[in-house]
Amino acid sequence: MSREKSLAKNTIIITIGKICTQLITFFLLPLYTGILSTEEYGTVDLLNTLISLLLPIVTFQVEQALFRALIEVRNNEDSKKKIISSGVITVIFQCIIYLIIFSLISPFINNNYKFFLATNVVTYIFLSLFQQIARGLGDNKKYAICSFISALFTIIFNILFLVVIKLGAYGMLLGTMSGQLIASLYIFISVKLYKYIKVNEYKKDIIKKLWKYSIPLIPNAISWWIFNASDRVIATTFLGVDQNGILAASLKFSSVFIAFYNIFNMSWTESISIAINDRDVENYFNKMFNIILNLFTAMGVGMIACMPFIFPIMINDKFGDGYGLVPISIIASLLNVVVGLISVVYVAKKNTKAIANTSVISAIINIIVHLTLIKFVGLYAAVISTFVSFFIMSIYRVIDINKKYFRIKINKSLITKTIIVLIIVGPLYYINNLYLNILSLIISIIFAFNINKNSINIILNFIKIKSEKV
């Protein structure tokens, strides 16, 4: 199977599991924003933000190292047992240490939801760990099913706890934990991970290799937390938890955009990791890089054009102040996609230190810009600081990879066309007139077809050939 077909196959498999869950979660926004107050929604979001900070600190990002290590030993059962056993047993000990530390400091934490900082961290750790092992073993189908099960049961429990039992913020946090537990159990049994986990297969030298790869990813993960989460902490501190609720609701749209990219990125990372030593890796990378960038650029512009119609339907009026934040956050997310597409080269080369260094610098810039602007522009400081940080990181990583590995060729025509379209679509978004919104949508559709015409022709020719054979 060619690399392109393998990439497409893996992407489709993961998409089937992920896309439904993301859409279902997205369409439940009216439920969440309707039932929960801005303060409750902000509290849940803030707690989930803190959980995402603790995850890489507790696990040392071992799950990422497991995925990368397993790719290279898929045909060696003995090596798989040693790697999985060493990784899982280590994470178990790390979780025990975390729970002991949490129990010691818990009496000093004055928060009604602090219990979830223990339970939800641990459940998320094992769900992520088992999923990355499945990916490393090449079982993307079960990974996708697991993602679907996690989201489905989270939604079911959220509806039960929010609508029926009316537990408020407690219900949303409890529902998330329950969904993750069920999904973890599914993937543990379906992948038969119990066959690979043996105490006598634990090897210290393997752990040292895994940590050598994963520990440099900790500052990178914290930096990404700063990008994605510190904005919420700063907003809560300076503007209040209710304003954080508004920010969290507005960022759900850019989160959906990034979720679509993350689906592709899983198979993209695997594909480049396998092909990194091929002679034509530069041509392959640039070909796929520009195709995917065209697609996500069109998607980003299209989302901005659609928001005047979608936002009032999906978001309750009490969160309406977040409307203006959406376009900037989507553009920032598009730059995030550029960073992600490029960064797989570091992963493939196992150069995690380079990932960490650039992420830390950009994260510091994010905080400085946010703190500088928040008193002047309020919530807009969050999305502007994210935009600035990703912009700087994308430029730096392109230059760095050009120097160290191979030349990344970005289509300059795409950049020019995108800037022109955003100059038109952006102001029309804020004017928010029905007829101008329709005009903006038409422009975005024409733009999408224009920059993706080559890919569309390839797809149409493929369909034509297949239909003729039938």
Protein backbone atom coordinates (compact mmCIF):
# COMPACT_ATOMS: atom_id res chain seq x y z
CA MET A 1 0.00 0.00 0.00
CA SER A 2 1.41 3.45 -0.97
CA ARG A 3 2.12 6.03 1.71
CA GLU A 4 -0.68 8.27 0.42
CA LYS A 5 -3.22 5.42 0.53
CA SER A 6 -2.05 4.33 3.97
CA LEU A 7 -2.34 7.91 5.22
CA ALA A 8 -5.83 8.23 3.73
CA LYS A 9 -6.94 4.87 5.14
CA ASN A 10 -5.74 5.62 8.68
CA THR A 11 -7.25 9.10 8.55
CA ILE A 12 -10.63 7.75 7.44
CA ILE A 13 -10.64 5.09 10.17
CA ILE A 14 -9.81 7.59 12.90
CA THR A 15 -12.24 10.13 11.44
CA ILE A 16 -15.17 7.71 11.62
CA GLY A 17 -14.64 7.31 15.35
CA LYS A 18 -13.75 10.92 16.10
CA ILE A 19 -15.95 13.00 13.84
CA CYS A 20 -19.24 11.70 15.19
CA THR A 21 -18.18 12.27 18.77
CA GLN A 22 -16.96 15.79 18.08
CA LEU A 23 -20.16 16.73 16.27
CA ILE A 24 -22.36 15.20 18.97
CA THR A 25 -20.46 17.10 21.66
CA PHE A 26 -20.66 20.29 19.63
CA PHE A 27 -24.39 20.03 19.10
CA LEU A 28 -24.89 19.62 22.85
CA LEU A 29 -23.55 23.15 23.40
CA PRO A 30 -27.11 24.56 23.61
CA LEU A 31 -27.80 22.05 26.42
CA TYR A 32 -24.66 22.91 28.37
CA THR A 33 -24.90 26.68 27.93
CA GLY A 34 -28.65 26.59 28.56
CA ILE A 35 -28.63 24.58 31.80
CA LEU A 36 -25.38 25.78 33.37
CA SER A 37 -24.81 29.37 34.42
CA THR A 38 -21.79 31.23 33.03
CA GLU A 39 -20.15 30.72 36.45
CA GLU A 40 -20.81 26.95 36.52
CA TYR A 41 -19.64 26.50 32.93
CA GLY A 42 -16.55 28.55 33.70
CA THR A 43 -15.85 26.43 36.80
CA VAL A 44 -16.05 23.15 34.85
CA ASP A 45 -13.84 24.56 32.12
CA LEU A 46 -11.28 25.82 34.64
CA LEU A 47 -11.14 22.45 36.41
CA ASN A 48 -10.67 20.61 33.10
CA THR A 49 -7.95 23.13 32.33
CA LEU A 50 -6.09 22.23 35.54
CA ILE A 51 -6.52 18.52 34.82
CA SER A 52 -4.89 18.99 31.39
CA LEU A 53 -1.94 20.68 33.13
CA LEU A 54 -1.43 17.79 35.56
CA LEU A 55 -1.51 14.99 32.96
CA PRO A 56 1.97 15.43 31.42
CA ILE A 57 3.50 16.17 34.82
CA VAL A 58 2.18 12.93 36.32
CA THR A 59 3.00 10.62 33.40
CA PHE A 60 6.16 12.27 32.00
CA GLN A 61 4.39 11.93 28.62
CA VAL A 62 5.30 8.21 28.56
CA GLU A 63 2.23 7.44 26.47
CA GLN A 64 3.70 9.46 23.58
CA ALA A 65 7.00 7.58 23.87
CA LEU A 66 5.13 4.24 23.88
CA PHE A 67 3.38 5.10 20.63
CA ARG A 68 6.65 6.09 18.93
CA ALA A 69 8.54 3.04 20.24
CA LEU A 70 5.85 0.52 19.29
CA ILE A 71 5.78 1.71 15.67
CA GLU A 72 9.26 0.22 15.19
CA VAL A 73 8.55 -3.20 16.79
CA ARG A 74 5.11 -4.11 15.45
CA ASN A 75 6.35 -7.47 14.21
CA ASN A 76 8.27 -8.38 17.36
CA GLU A 77 6.02 -9.81 20.09
CA ASP A 78 8.80 -10.02 22.68
CA SER A 79 9.74 -6.35 22.26
CA LYS A 80 6.10 -5.29 22.40
CA LYS A 81 5.61 -7.05 25.74
CA LYS A 82 8.71 -5.46 27.24
CA ILE A 83 7.85 -1.95 26.05
CA ILE A 84 4.17 -2.08 27.06
CA SER A 85 4.86 -3.77 30.41
CA SER A 86 7.58 -1.27 31.30
CA GLY A 87 5.45 1.70 30.28
CA VAL A 88 2.18 0.66 31.95
CA ILE A 89 3.78 -0.46 35.24
CA THR A 90 5.71 2.81 35.45
CA VAL A 91 2.56 4.87 34.88
CA ILE A 92 0.74 2.91 37.60
CA PHE A 93 3.47 3.81 40.10
CA GLN A 94 3.39 7.44 38.96
CA CYS A 95 -0.38 7.59 39.51
CA ILE A 96 -0.02 6.10 43.00
CA ILE A 97 2.57 8.74 43.88
CA TYR A 98 0.28 11.46 42.49
CA LEU A 99 -2.68 10.25 44.58
CA ILE A 100 -0.54 10.16 47.73
CA ILE A 101 0.64 13.73 47.13
CA PHE A 102 -2.92 14.84 46.35
CA SER A 103 -4.27 13.30 49.57
CA LEU A 104 -1.61 15.19 51.56
CA ILE A 105 -2.36 18.61 50.04
CA SER A 106 -6.11 18.12 49.59
CA PRO A 107 -7.03 19.49 53.07
CA PHE A 108 -5.44 22.80 52.07
CA ILE A 109 -7.46 23.10 48.83
CA ASN A 110 -10.69 25.03 49.36
CA ASN A 111 -12.78 23.90 46.41
CA ASN A 112 -15.98 21.88 46.24
CA TYR A 113 -14.80 20.07 43.10
CA LYS A 114 -11.26 19.16 44.19
CA PHE A 115 -12.12 15.43 44.30
CA PHE A 116 -12.26 15.45 40.49
CA LEU A 117 -8.65 16.65 40.32
CA ALA A 118 -7.76 13.18 41.58
CA THR A 119 -10.29 10.90 39.86
CA ASN A 120 -10.49 12.57 36.44
CA VAL A 121 -6.72 12.90 36.13
CA VAL A 122 -6.21 9.17 36.70
CA THR A 123 -9.05 8.04 34.41
CA TYR A 124 -7.85 10.31 31.62
CA ILE A 125 -4.25 9.07 32.03
CA PHE A 126 -5.18 5.42 31.51
CA LEU A 127 -7.56 6.17 28.66
CA SER A 128 -4.82 8.10 26.86
CA LEU A 129 -2.21 5.44 27.71
CA PHE A 130 -4.28 2.55 26.35
CA GLN A 131 -5.25 4.50 23.23
CA GLN A 132 -1.65 5.36 22.38
CA ILE A 133 -0.65 1.73 22.83
CA ALA A 134 -3.41 0.71 20.41
CA ARG A 135 -2.14 3.26 17.88
CA GLY A 136 1.43 2.09 18.37
CA LEU A 137 0.33 -1.47 17.64
CA GLY A 138 -1.34 -0.23 14.46
CA ASP A 139 -4.89 -0.88 15.66
CA ASN A 140 -6.44 2.41 14.60
CA LYS A 141 -9.92 0.86 14.31
CA LYS A 142 -10.13 0.09 18.02
CA TYR A 143 -8.63 3.49 18.79
CA ALA A 144 -11.45 5.11 16.81
CA ILE A 145 -14.13 2.94 18.43
CA CYS A 146 -12.72 3.78 21.86
CA SER A 147 -12.94 7.50 21.10
CA PHE A 148 -16.54 7.06 20.02
CA ILE A 149 -17.43 5.09 23.16
CA SER A 150 -15.78 7.67 25.41
CA ALA A 151 -17.70 10.56 23.90
CA LEU A 152 -20.99 8.65 23.62
CA PHE A 153 -21.10 7.58 27.25
CA THR A 154 -19.85 10.97 28.42
CA ILE A 155 -22.79 12.55 26.61
CA ILE A 156 -25.27 9.98 27.96
CA PHE A 157 -24.07 10.50 31.53
CA ASN A 158 -24.02 14.28 31.10
CA ILE A 159 -27.64 14.28 29.98
CA LEU A 160 -28.55 11.97 32.86
CA PHE A 161 -26.71 13.98 35.51
CA LEU A 162 -27.57 17.44 34.13
CA VAL A 163 -31.14 17.07 32.87
CA VAL A 164 -32.59 14.22 34.93
CA ILE A 165 -30.77 14.33 38.28
CA LYS A 166 -29.83 18.04 37.95
CA LEU A 167 -26.37 17.83 39.50
CA GLY A 168 -25.07 20.92 37.70
CA ALA A 169 -21.28 21.23 37.41
CA TYR A 170 -20.86 18.05 39.49
CA GLY A 171 -22.85 16.13 36.90
CA MET A 172 -20.75 17.30 33.98
CA LEU A 173 -17.49 16.33 35.72
CA LEU A 174 -18.89 12.99 36.90
CA GLY A 175 -20.21 12.24 33.42
CA THR A 176 -16.79 12.83 31.88
CA MET A 177 -15.12 10.50 34.36
CA SER A 178 -17.71 7.76 33.79
CA GLY A 179 -17.35 7.90 30.01
CA GLN A 180 -13.57 7.63 30.25
CA LEU A 181 -13.77 4.64 32.58
CA ILE A 182 -16.02 2.70 30.21
CA ALA A 183 -13.85 3.54 27.19
CA SER A 184 -10.66 2.51 29.04
CA LEU A 185 -12.22 -0.82 29.93
CA TYR A 186 -13.29 -1.38 26.32
CA ILE A 187 -9.87 -0.78 24.77
CA PHE A 188 -8.06 -2.73 27.49
CA ILE A 189 -10.18 -5.80 26.72
CA SER A 190 -10.55 -5.41 22.94
CA VAL A 191 -6.83 -4.90 22.26
CA LYS A 192 -6.08 -7.65 24.82
CA LEU A 193 -3.57 -5.47 26.61
CA TYR A 194 -3.54 -7.92 29.50
CA LYS A 195 -1.51 -10.24 27.24
CA TYR A 196 1.26 -7.66 27.00
CA ILE A 197 1.45 -6.54 30.64
CA LYS A 198 3.74 -8.83 32.65
CA VAL A 199 5.65 -7.80 35.78
CA ASN A 200 8.65 -9.93 34.80
CA GLU A 201 8.85 -8.07 31.45
CA TYR A 202 9.52 -4.74 33.18
CA LYS A 203 12.91 -3.42 32.05
CA LYS A 204 14.68 -0.38 33.51
CA ASP A 205 16.70 0.21 30.34
CA ILE A 206 13.49 0.47 28.32
CA ILE A 207 12.06 3.02 30.77
CA LYS A 208 15.25 5.07 30.45
CA LYS A 209 14.83 5.10 26.66
CA LEU A 210 11.15 6.02 26.92
CA TRP A 211 11.92 8.83 29.37
CA LYS A 212 14.74 10.11 27.18
CA TYR A 213 12.16 10.63 24.45
CA SER A 214 9.22 11.74 26.63
CA ILE A 215 10.69 13.99 29.33
CA PRO A 216 11.62 16.77 26.85
CA LEU A 217 7.94 16.69 25.85
CA ILE A 218 6.87 17.80 29.35
CA PRO A 219 7.81 21.46 28.88
CA ASN A 220 6.26 21.22 25.43
CA ALA A 221 3.01 19.87 26.91
CA ILE A 222 3.03 22.57 29.58
CA SER A 223 3.64 25.15 26.87
CA TRP A 224 0.64 23.86 24.95
CA TRP A 225 -1.31 24.03 28.19
CA ILE A 226 -0.30 27.68 28.43
CA PHE A 227 -1.53 28.23 24.90
CA ASN A 228 -4.82 26.44 25.42
CA ALA A 229 -5.48 26.92 29.11
CA SER A 230 -3.59 29.75 30.76
CA ASP A 231 -5.90 32.13 28.96
CA ARG A 232 -8.74 30.70 31.03
CA VAL A 233 -6.77 31.04 34.29
CA ILE A 234 -5.79 34.64 33.51
CA ALA A 235 -9.33 35.51 32.45
CA THR A 236 -10.73 34.03 35.66
CA THR A 237 -8.17 35.87 37.81
CA PHE A 238 -8.59 39.31 36.23
CA LEU A 239 -12.16 39.24 34.90
CA GLY A 240 -14.00 36.59 36.95
CA VAL A 241 -15.17 33.01 36.50
CA ASP A 242 -18.31 34.13 34.63
CA GLN A 243 -16.15 35.80 31.95
CA ASN A 244 -14.13 32.60 31.69
CA GLY A 245 -17.40 30.81 30.97
CA ILE A 246 -18.04 33.18 28.06
CA LEU A 247 -14.49 32.68 26.79
CA ALA A 248 -14.79 28.89 27.09
CA ALA A 249 -18.06 28.85 25.14
CA SER A 250 -16.65 31.03 22.33
CA LEU A 251 -13.55 28.84 22.00
CA LYS A 252 -15.64 25.72 21.41
CA PHE A 253 -15.83 26.57 17.71
CA SER A 254 -12.07 26.82 17.23
CA SER A 255 -11.80 23.64 19.34
CA VAL A 256 -13.93 21.82 16.77
CA PHE A 257 -11.61 23.11 14.04
CA ILE A 258 -8.55 21.82 15.91
CA ALA A 259 -10.32 18.53 16.66
CA PHE A 260 -10.67 17.96 12.91
CA TYR A 261 -6.95 18.58 12.47
CA ASN A 262 -6.02 16.33 15.40
CA ILE A 263 -7.88 13.51 13.70
CA PHE A 264 -5.67 13.88 10.63
CA ASN A 265 -2.53 14.55 12.67
CA MET A 266 -2.63 11.09 14.26
CA SER A 267 -2.19 9.32 10.93
CA TRP A 268 0.04 12.13 9.59
CA THR A 269 2.50 11.64 12.45
CA GLU A 270 2.59 7.90 11.90
CA SER A 271 3.03 8.28 8.15
CA ILE A 272 5.97 10.71 8.39
CA SER A 273 7.59 8.66 11.17
CA ILE A 274 7.60 5.63 8.88
CA ALA A 275 8.74 7.54 5.77
CA ILE A 276 11.28 9.90 7.38
CA ASN A 277 14.32 7.98 6.09
CA ASP A 278 13.01 7.57 2.54
CA ARG A 279 14.90 9.38 -0.21
CA ASP A 280 11.84 11.26 -1.43
CA VAL A 281 10.53 12.24 2.01
CA GLU A 282 10.92 15.96 1.20
CA ASN A 283 8.72 15.73 -1.91
CA TYR A 284 6.18 13.55 -0.12
CA PHE A 285 6.04 15.90 2.88
CA ASN A 286 5.62 19.07 0.81
CA LYS A 287 3.00 17.49 -1.43
CA MET A 288 0.83 16.38 1.48
CA PHE A 289 1.60 19.50 3.56
CA ASN A 290 0.20 21.87 0.94
CA ILE A 291 -2.83 19.71 0.16
CA ILE A 292 -3.81 19.57 3.84
CA LEU A 293 -3.02 23.25 4.45
CA ASN A 294 -5.30 24.21 1.54
CA LEU A 295 -8.08 22.10 3.00
CA PHE A 296 -7.85 23.52 6.53
CA THR A 297 -7.46 27.09 5.29
CA ALA A 298 -10.70 26.73 3.35
CA MET A 299 -12.34 25.17 6.40
CA GLY A 300 -11.21 28.01 8.68
CA VAL A 301 -12.45 30.75 6.37
CA GLY A 302 -15.70 28.84 5.85
CA MET A 303 -16.26 28.52 9.60
CA ILE A 304 -15.85 32.28 10.05
CA ALA A 305 -18.37 32.93 7.29
CA CYS A 306 -20.85 30.45 8.83
CA MET A 307 -20.58 31.73 12.41
CA PRO A 308 -23.14 34.59 12.12
CA PHE A 309 -25.73 31.92 11.32
CA ILE A 310 -24.52 29.22 13.72
CA PHE A 311 -23.47 31.15 16.85
CA PRO A 312 -26.99 32.36 17.86
CA ILE A 313 -28.34 28.82 17.46
CA MET A 314 -25.59 27.01 19.36
CA ILE A 315 -24.86 29.49 22.14
CA ASN A 316 -27.30 30.82 24.73
CA ASP A 317 -27.79 34.61 24.80
CA LYS A 318 -26.06 34.94 28.18
CA PHE A 319 -22.81 33.86 26.44
CA GLY A 320 -23.35 36.29 23.54
CA ASP A 321 -20.38 38.52 24.39
CA GLY A 322 -18.12 35.79 23.04
CA TYR A 323 -19.31 36.31 19.44
CA GLY A 324 -16.50 38.71 18.55
CA LEU A 325 -13.80 36.35 19.80
CA VAL A 326 -14.57 33.55 17.35
CA PRO A 327 -12.85 34.74 14.12
CA ILE A 328 -9.55 35.57 15.83
CA SER A 329 -9.53 32.22 17.65
CA ILE A 330 -10.18 30.34 14.38
CA ILE A 331 -7.33 32.18 12.59
CA ALA A 332 -5.07 31.39 15.56
CA SER A 333 -6.14 27.74 15.24
CA LEU A 334 -5.21 27.76 11.56
CA LEU A 335 -1.69 28.81 12.58
CA ASN A 336 -1.83 25.98 15.12
CA VAL A 337 -2.48 23.61 12.21
CA VAL A 338 0.60 24.94 10.40
CA VAL A 339 2.68 24.34 13.53
CA GLY A 340 1.27 20.83 13.90
CA LEU A 341 1.88 19.87 10.27
CA ILE A 342 5.51 20.96 10.57
CA SER A 343 6.19 19.52 14.02
CA VAL A 344 5.75 15.91 12.93
CA VAL A 345 9.24 16.15 11.42
CA TYR A 346 10.68 16.63 14.93
CA VAL A 347 8.67 13.65 16.18
CA ALA A 348 9.82 11.47 13.28
CA LYS A 349 13.43 12.47 13.94
CA LYS A 350 12.92 11.91 17.69
CA ASN A 351 14.11 15.47 18.30
CA THR A 352 11.74 16.25 21.17
CA LYS A 353 14.11 18.84 22.61
CA ALA A 354 13.54 21.10 19.61
CA ILE A 355 9.79 20.81 20.15
CA ALA A 356 10.18 21.78 23.80
CA ASN A 357 12.47 24.76 23.21
CA THR A 358 10.28 26.51 20.65
CA SER A 359 7.08 25.76 22.57
CA VAL A 360 8.42 27.23 25.82
CA ILE A 361 9.49 30.48 24.15
CA SER A 362 6.13 30.87 22.40
CA ALA A 363 4.26 30.09 25.61
CA ILE A 364 6.14 32.85 27.44
CA ILE A 365 5.24 35.26 24.64
CA ASN A 366 1.60 34.17 24.98
CA ILE A 367 1.50 35.03 28.69
CA ILE A 368 3.30 38.37 28.26
CA VAL A 369 0.98 39.51 25.46
CA HIS A 370 -2.11 38.35 27.37
CA LEU A 371 -1.15 40.10 30.62
CA THR A 372 -0.20 43.25 28.71
CA LEU A 373 -3.49 43.50 26.81
CA ILE A 374 -6.11 42.17 29.23
CA LYS A 375 -6.69 45.49 31.01
CA PHE A 376 -7.22 47.23 27.67
CA VAL A 377 -9.21 44.76 25.57
CA GLY A 378 -10.58 42.28 28.14
CA LEU A 379 -11.34 38.82 26.78
CA TYR A 380 -9.90 39.72 23.38
CA ALA A 381 -6.44 39.55 24.97
CA ALA A 382 -6.81 35.76 25.18
CA VAL A 383 -7.34 35.16 21.46
CA ILE A 384 -4.92 37.88 20.33
CA SER A 385 -2.10 36.47 22.49
CA THR A 386 -2.74 32.97 21.13
CA PHE A 387 -2.65 34.29 17.56
CA VAL A 388 0.67 36.11 18.14
CA SER A 389 2.27 33.06 19.77
CA PHE A 390 1.31 30.60 17.04
CA PHE A 391 2.37 33.07 14.36
CA ILE A 392 5.85 33.36 15.85
CA MET A 393 6.14 29.61 16.46
CA SER A 394 5.11 28.70 12.91
CA ILE A 395 7.71 31.03 11.37
CA TYR A 396 10.47 29.80 13.67
CA ARG A 397 9.79 26.11 13.08
CA VAL A 398 9.70 26.51 9.30
CA ILE A 399 13.10 28.22 9.41
CA ASP A 400 14.51 25.66 11.86
CA ILE A 401 13.40 22.60 9.86
CA ASN A 402 14.65 24.20 6.64
CA LYS A 403 18.10 24.45 8.24
CA LYS A 404 18.22 21.05 9.95
CA TYR A 405 16.35 18.61 7.73
CA PHE A 406 14.80 19.68 4.43
CA ARG A 407 13.13 22.66 2.80
CA ILE A 408 9.45 23.25 3.49
CA LYS A 409 7.80 24.82 0.45
CA ILE A 410 4.69 26.78 1.41
CA ASN A 411 2.46 27.92 -1.46
CA LYS A 412 2.87 31.73 -1.49
CA SER A 413 -0.22 32.09 -3.63
CA LEU A 414 -2.29 30.49 -0.85
CA ILE A 415 -0.99 33.02 1.69
CA THR A 416 -1.84 35.97 -0.58
CA LYS A 417 -5.33 34.69 -1.41
CA THR A 418 -6.08 33.91 2.25
CA ILE A 419 -5.09 37.40 3.43
CA ILE A 420 -7.26 39.03 0.74
CA VAL A 421 -10.29 36.88 1.60
CA LEU A 422 -9.89 37.48 5.36
CA ILE A 423 -9.71 41.25 4.75
CA ILE A 424 -13.16 40.93 3.13
CA VAL A 425 -14.79 38.25 5.31
CA GLY A 426 -13.51 39.62 8.65
CA PRO A 427 -15.22 43.05 8.58
CA LEU A 428 -18.42 41.53 7.16
CA TYR A 429 -18.50 39.19 10.19
CA TYR A 430 -18.51 42.08 12.65
CA ILE A 431 -21.02 44.15 10.67
CA ASN A 432 -23.32 41.10 10.99
CA ASN A 433 -25.89 42.06 8.36
CA LEU A 434 -27.93 39.19 6.89
CA TYR A 435 -27.24 40.04 3.24
CA LEU A 436 -23.56 40.74 3.87
CA ASN A 437 -23.29 37.46 5.79
CA ILE A 438 -24.69 35.62 2.76
CA LEU A 439 -22.18 37.44 0.53
CA SER A 440 -19.38 36.43 2.92
CA LEU A 441 -20.49 32.80 2.75
CA ILE A 442 -20.53 32.84 -1.07
CA ILE A 443 -17.01 34.34 -1.14
CA SER A 444 -15.72 31.65 1.23
CA ILE A 445 -17.22 28.86 -0.93
CA ILE A 446 -15.63 30.27 -4.10
CA PHE A 447 -12.33 30.59 -2.22
CA ALA A 448 -12.53 26.98 -1.01
CA PHE A 449 -13.09 25.60 -4.50
CA ASN A 450 -10.35 27.78 -5.96
CA ILE A 451 -7.54 26.70 -3.62
CA ASN A 452 -8.61 23.05 -3.58
CA LYS A 453 -9.39 22.62 -7.29
CA ASN A 454 -6.48 20.22 -7.89
CA SER A 455 -7.56 17.93 -5.05
CA ILE A 456 -11.18 18.11 -6.21
CA ASN A 457 -10.17 17.11 -9.76
CA ILE A 458 -8.17 14.16 -8.42
CA ILE A 459 -11.17 12.98 -6.40
CA LEU A 460 -13.58 13.40 -9.33
CA ASN A 461 -11.26 11.48 -11.68
CA PHE A 462 -10.92 8.71 -9.12
CA ILE A 463 -14.71 8.45 -8.80
CA LYS A 464 -15.05 8.45 -12.59
CA ILE A 465 -12.53 5.63 -13.01
CA LYS A 466 -14.21 3.56 -10.30
CA SER A 467 -17.66 4.07 -11.80
CA GLU A 468 -16.42 3.03 -15.26
CA LYS A 469 -15.02 -0.20 -13.83
CA VAL A 470 -18.36 -0.99 -12.26
